[in-house]
């Protein structure tokens, strides 16, 4: 779990979420001219797009935490090896 191979999967998930947000914004832009009588629908759809990007931001934050965990795991492995040499 705490390996560099996990970053590839996390990057794919982030890319998929951002792609979904871009598609959602495109649908919102296409739908906007038809909503001139009720612009609130367009604002709500824009808000949903921002929320989707917020999810991508949370996953990016979790990726950064994964990077720290991988670094600490490598450090712990090195310290364990040093301790084994001493003992």
N, C-alpha and C. Protein backbone atom coordinates (compact mmCIF):
# COMPACT_ATOMS: atom_id res chain seq x y z
N UNK A 1 0.83 -1.19 0.00
CA UNK A 1 0.00 0.00 0.00
C UNK A 1 0.87 1.25 0.00
N UNK A 2 1.87 1.28 0.84
CA UNK A 2 2.74 2.45 0.90
C UNK A 2 3.91 2.26 -0.05
N UNK A 3 3.63 2.38 -1.33
CA UNK A 3 4.67 2.24 -2.34
C UNK A 3 4.46 3.30 -3.41
N UNK A 4 5.47 3.43 -4.25
CA UNK A 4 5.39 4.44 -5.30
C UNK A 4 4.40 4.03 -6.41
N UNK A 5 4.06 2.76 -6.48
CA UNK A 5 3.10 2.29 -7.48
C UNK A 5 1.69 2.82 -7.19
N UNK A 6 1.42 3.15 -5.94
CA UNK A 6 0.10 3.65 -5.58
C UNK A 6 -0.16 5.04 -6.17
N UNK A 7 0.89 5.79 -6.43
CA UNK A 7 0.71 7.14 -6.96
C UNK A 7 0.06 7.13 -8.34
N UNK A 8 0.36 6.11 -9.13
CA UNK A 8 -0.22 6.03 -10.47
C UNK A 8 -1.73 5.94 -10.39
N UNK A 9 -2.23 5.11 -9.48
CA UNK A 9 -3.68 4.94 -9.34
C UNK A 9 -4.34 6.22 -8.81
N UNK A 10 -3.68 6.86 -7.88
CA UNK A 10 -4.23 8.10 -7.33
C UNK A 10 -4.25 9.18 -8.41
N UNK A 11 -3.21 9.25 -9.22
CA UNK A 11 -3.19 10.23 -10.31
C UNK A 11 -4.30 9.98 -11.32
N UNK A 12 -4.59 8.71 -11.58
CA UNK A 12 -5.68 8.36 -12.50
C UNK A 12 -7.02 8.81 -11.92
N UNK A 13 -7.20 8.60 -10.62
CA UNK A 13 -8.45 9.01 -9.97
C UNK A 13 -8.60 10.53 -10.02
N UNK A 14 -7.52 11.26 -9.73
CA UNK A 14 -7.57 12.72 -9.79
C UNK A 14 -7.90 13.18 -11.20
N UNK A 15 -7.25 12.58 -12.19
CA UNK A 15 -7.52 12.94 -13.58
C UNK A 15 -8.97 12.67 -13.98
N UNK A 16 -9.51 11.56 -13.51
CA UNK A 16 -10.91 11.23 -13.83
C UNK A 16 -11.87 12.22 -13.19
N UNK A 17 -11.59 12.63 -11.97
CA UNK A 17 -12.47 13.59 -11.30
C UNK A 17 -12.40 14.95 -12.00
N UNK A 18 -11.20 15.37 -12.36
CA UNK A 18 -11.07 16.66 -13.07
C UNK A 18 -11.74 16.59 -14.44
N UNK A 19 -11.61 15.46 -15.12
CA UNK A 19 -12.28 15.30 -16.42
C UNK A 19 -13.80 15.36 -16.26
N UNK A 20 -14.31 14.74 -15.20
CA UNK A 20 -15.75 14.80 -14.95
C UNK A 20 -16.19 16.23 -14.67
N UNK A 21 -15.37 16.98 -13.96
CA UNK A 21 -15.71 18.39 -13.69
C UNK A 21 -15.71 19.20 -14.98
N UNK A 22 -14.73 18.95 -15.85
CA UNK A 22 -14.69 19.68 -17.12
C UNK A 22 -15.89 19.35 -18.00
N UNK A 23 -16.28 18.08 -18.03
CA UNK A 23 -17.47 17.70 -18.78
C UNK A 23 -18.71 18.37 -18.19
N UNK A 24 -18.78 18.41 -16.86
CA UNK A 24 -19.92 19.05 -16.20
C UNK A 24 -19.98 20.54 -16.53
N UNK A 25 -18.82 21.22 -16.53
CA UNK A 25 -18.81 22.63 -16.88
C UNK A 25 -19.20 22.84 -18.35
N UNK A 26 -18.80 21.91 -19.23
CA UNK A 26 -19.19 22.01 -20.63
C UNK A 26 -20.71 21.85 -20.77
N UNK A 27 -21.28 20.90 -20.07
CA UNK A 27 -22.73 20.72 -20.10
C UNK A 27 -23.43 21.95 -19.55
N UNK A 28 -22.88 22.53 -18.51
CA UNK A 28 -23.45 23.75 -17.93
C UNK A 28 -23.41 24.89 -18.94
N UNK A 29 -22.28 25.04 -19.63
CA UNK A 29 -22.15 26.11 -20.62
C UNK A 29 -23.10 25.91 -21.80
N UNK A 30 -23.28 24.66 -22.21
CA UNK A 30 -24.21 24.38 -23.31
C UNK A 30 -25.65 24.63 -22.88
N UNK A 31 -25.95 24.33 -21.63
CA UNK A 31 -27.31 24.47 -21.12
C UNK A 31 -27.64 25.92 -20.73
N UNK A 32 -26.64 26.75 -20.50
CA UNK A 32 -26.86 28.10 -19.99
C UNK A 32 -27.74 28.97 -20.88
N UNK A 33 -27.55 29.00 -22.21
CA UNK A 33 -28.42 29.87 -23.02
C UNK A 33 -29.90 29.51 -22.94
N UNK A 34 -30.22 28.27 -22.70
CA UNK A 34 -31.61 27.85 -22.60
C UNK A 34 -32.23 28.19 -21.25
N UNK A 35 -31.44 28.64 -20.32
CA UNK A 35 -31.92 28.94 -18.97
C UNK A 35 -31.98 30.44 -18.69
N UNK A 36 -32.21 31.24 -19.71
CA UNK A 36 -32.24 32.70 -19.50
C UNK A 36 -33.38 33.13 -18.59
N UNK A 37 -34.48 32.41 -18.62
CA UNK A 37 -35.61 32.76 -17.77
C UNK A 37 -35.35 32.38 -16.31
N UNK A 38 -34.54 31.37 -16.10
CA UNK A 38 -34.23 30.91 -14.74
C UNK A 38 -32.73 30.66 -14.61
N UNK A 39 -31.94 31.72 -14.36
CA UNK A 39 -30.49 31.55 -14.29
C UNK A 39 -30.02 30.81 -13.03
N UNK A 40 -30.90 30.59 -12.09
CA UNK A 40 -30.53 29.87 -10.88
C UNK A 40 -30.08 28.45 -11.16
N UNK A 41 -30.68 27.84 -12.19
CA UNK A 41 -30.30 26.47 -12.56
C UNK A 41 -28.84 26.45 -13.00
N UNK A 42 -28.44 27.44 -13.77
CA UNK A 42 -27.05 27.52 -14.22
C UNK A 42 -26.12 27.73 -13.05
N UNK A 43 -26.52 28.57 -12.10
CA UNK A 43 -25.69 28.79 -10.91
C UNK A 43 -25.56 27.52 -10.08
N UNK A 44 -26.63 26.80 -9.94
CA UNK A 44 -26.58 25.54 -9.18
C UNK A 44 -25.69 24.54 -9.89
N UNK A 45 -25.82 24.45 -11.21
CA UNK A 45 -24.96 23.53 -11.95
C UNK A 45 -23.49 23.94 -11.84
N UNK A 46 -23.22 25.22 -11.86
CA UNK A 46 -21.85 25.69 -11.66
C UNK A 46 -21.34 25.34 -10.28
N UNK A 47 -22.22 25.45 -9.29
CA UNK A 47 -21.84 25.07 -7.93
C UNK A 47 -21.52 23.60 -7.80
N UNK A 48 -22.28 22.77 -8.52
CA UNK A 48 -22.00 21.33 -8.52
C UNK A 48 -20.63 21.07 -9.15
N UNK A 49 -20.32 21.80 -10.22
CA UNK A 49 -18.99 21.66 -10.85
C UNK A 49 -17.87 22.04 -9.90
N UNK A 50 -18.07 23.11 -9.15
CA UNK A 50 -17.07 23.53 -8.16
C UNK A 50 -16.94 22.47 -7.06
N UNK A 51 -18.06 21.86 -6.67
CA UNK A 51 -18.02 20.80 -5.66
C UNK A 51 -17.23 19.60 -6.18
N UNK A 52 -17.40 19.27 -7.45
CA UNK A 52 -16.63 18.17 -8.03
C UNK A 52 -15.14 18.49 -8.00
N UNK A 53 -14.79 19.72 -8.32
CA UNK A 53 -13.38 20.12 -8.23
C UNK A 53 -12.89 20.08 -6.79
N UNK A 54 -13.78 20.36 -5.84
CA UNK A 54 -13.41 20.25 -4.43
C UNK A 54 -13.06 18.83 -4.04
N UNK A 55 -13.77 17.87 -4.60
CA UNK A 55 -13.45 16.47 -4.35
C UNK A 55 -12.07 16.15 -4.91
N UNK A 56 -11.77 16.67 -6.09
CA UNK A 56 -10.44 16.46 -6.67
C UNK A 56 -9.36 17.07 -5.78
N UNK A 57 -9.64 18.21 -5.20
CA UNK A 57 -8.68 18.85 -4.31
C UNK A 57 -8.46 18.02 -3.05
N UNK A 58 -9.52 17.42 -2.53
CA UNK A 58 -9.38 16.56 -1.35
C UNK A 58 -8.55 15.32 -1.69
N UNK A 59 -8.78 14.74 -2.86
CA UNK A 59 -7.99 13.58 -3.27
C UNK A 59 -6.53 13.97 -3.47
N UNK A 60 -6.28 15.17 -3.98
CA UNK A 60 -4.91 15.65 -4.13
C UNK A 60 -4.25 15.80 -2.76
N UNK A 61 -4.99 16.30 -1.79
CA UNK A 61 -4.46 16.41 -0.43
C UNK A 61 -4.14 15.03 0.13
N UNK A 62 -5.01 14.06 -0.11
CA UNK A 62 -4.75 12.70 0.34
C UNK A 62 -3.53 12.10 -0.36
N UNK A 63 -3.30 12.49 -1.62
CA UNK A 63 -2.11 12.03 -2.33
C UNK A 63 -0.85 12.56 -1.66
N UNK A 64 -0.91 13.83 -1.24
CA UNK A 64 0.24 14.41 -0.55
C UNK A 64 0.49 13.68 0.78
N UNK A 65 -0.56 13.31 1.47
CA UNK A 65 -0.41 12.54 2.71
C UNK A 65 0.16 11.14 2.41
N UNK A 66 -0.24 10.55 1.29
CA UNK A 66 0.32 9.26 0.89
C UNK A 66 1.82 9.40 0.63
N UNK A 67 2.23 10.50 0.00
CA UNK A 67 3.65 10.72 -0.26
C UNK A 67 4.43 10.80 1.06
N UNK A 68 3.85 11.47 2.05
CA UNK A 68 4.51 11.52 3.36
C UNK A 68 4.57 10.15 4.00
N UNK A 69 3.51 9.36 3.86
CA UNK A 69 3.49 8.02 4.45
C UNK A 69 4.53 7.13 3.79
N UNK A 70 4.68 7.25 2.47
CA UNK A 70 5.68 6.44 1.77
C UNK A 70 7.08 6.83 2.23
N UNK A 71 7.32 8.13 2.40
CA UNK A 71 8.63 8.59 2.86
C UNK A 71 8.90 8.09 4.27
N UNK A 72 7.91 8.15 5.13
CA UNK A 72 8.11 7.68 6.52
C UNK A 72 8.29 6.16 6.56
N UNK A 73 7.60 5.45 5.69
CA UNK A 73 7.75 4.00 5.65
C UNK A 73 9.16 3.63 5.22
N UNK A 74 9.68 4.34 4.23
CA UNK A 74 11.05 4.09 3.79
C UNK A 74 12.05 4.43 4.90
N UNK A 75 11.80 5.53 5.60
CA UNK A 75 12.67 5.92 6.70
C UNK A 75 12.61 4.87 7.83
N UNK A 76 11.41 4.38 8.14
CA UNK A 76 11.27 3.37 9.18
C UNK A 76 11.97 2.07 8.78
N UNK A 77 11.91 1.71 7.53
CA UNK A 77 12.59 0.52 7.05
C UNK A 77 14.10 0.67 7.20
N UNK A 78 14.60 1.85 6.87
CA UNK A 78 16.04 2.11 7.00
C UNK A 78 16.46 2.08 8.46
N UNK A 79 15.66 2.68 9.33
CA UNK A 79 15.99 2.67 10.76
C UNK A 79 15.93 1.26 11.33
N UNK A 80 14.98 0.45 10.88
CA UNK A 80 14.89 -0.94 11.32
C UNK A 80 16.12 -1.72 10.88
N UNK A 81 16.58 -1.49 9.66
CA UNK A 81 17.78 -2.16 9.17
C UNK A 81 19.00 -1.74 9.98
N UNK A 82 19.10 -0.47 10.31
CA UNK A 82 20.21 0.00 11.14
C UNK A 82 20.16 -0.62 12.53
N UNK A 83 18.96 -0.73 13.08
CA UNK A 83 18.80 -1.33 14.40
C UNK A 83 19.14 -2.82 14.36
N UNK A 84 18.78 -3.51 13.29
CA UNK A 84 19.12 -4.92 13.14
C UNK A 84 20.62 -5.11 13.05
N UNK A 85 21.31 -4.18 12.39
CA UNK A 85 22.77 -4.26 12.31
C UNK A 85 23.41 -4.09 13.68
N UNK A 86 22.86 -3.20 14.49
CA UNK A 86 23.42 -2.96 15.80
C UNK A 86 23.19 -4.16 16.72
N UNK A 87 22.02 -4.73 16.63
CA UNK A 87 21.69 -5.86 17.51
C UNK A 87 22.37 -7.09 16.98
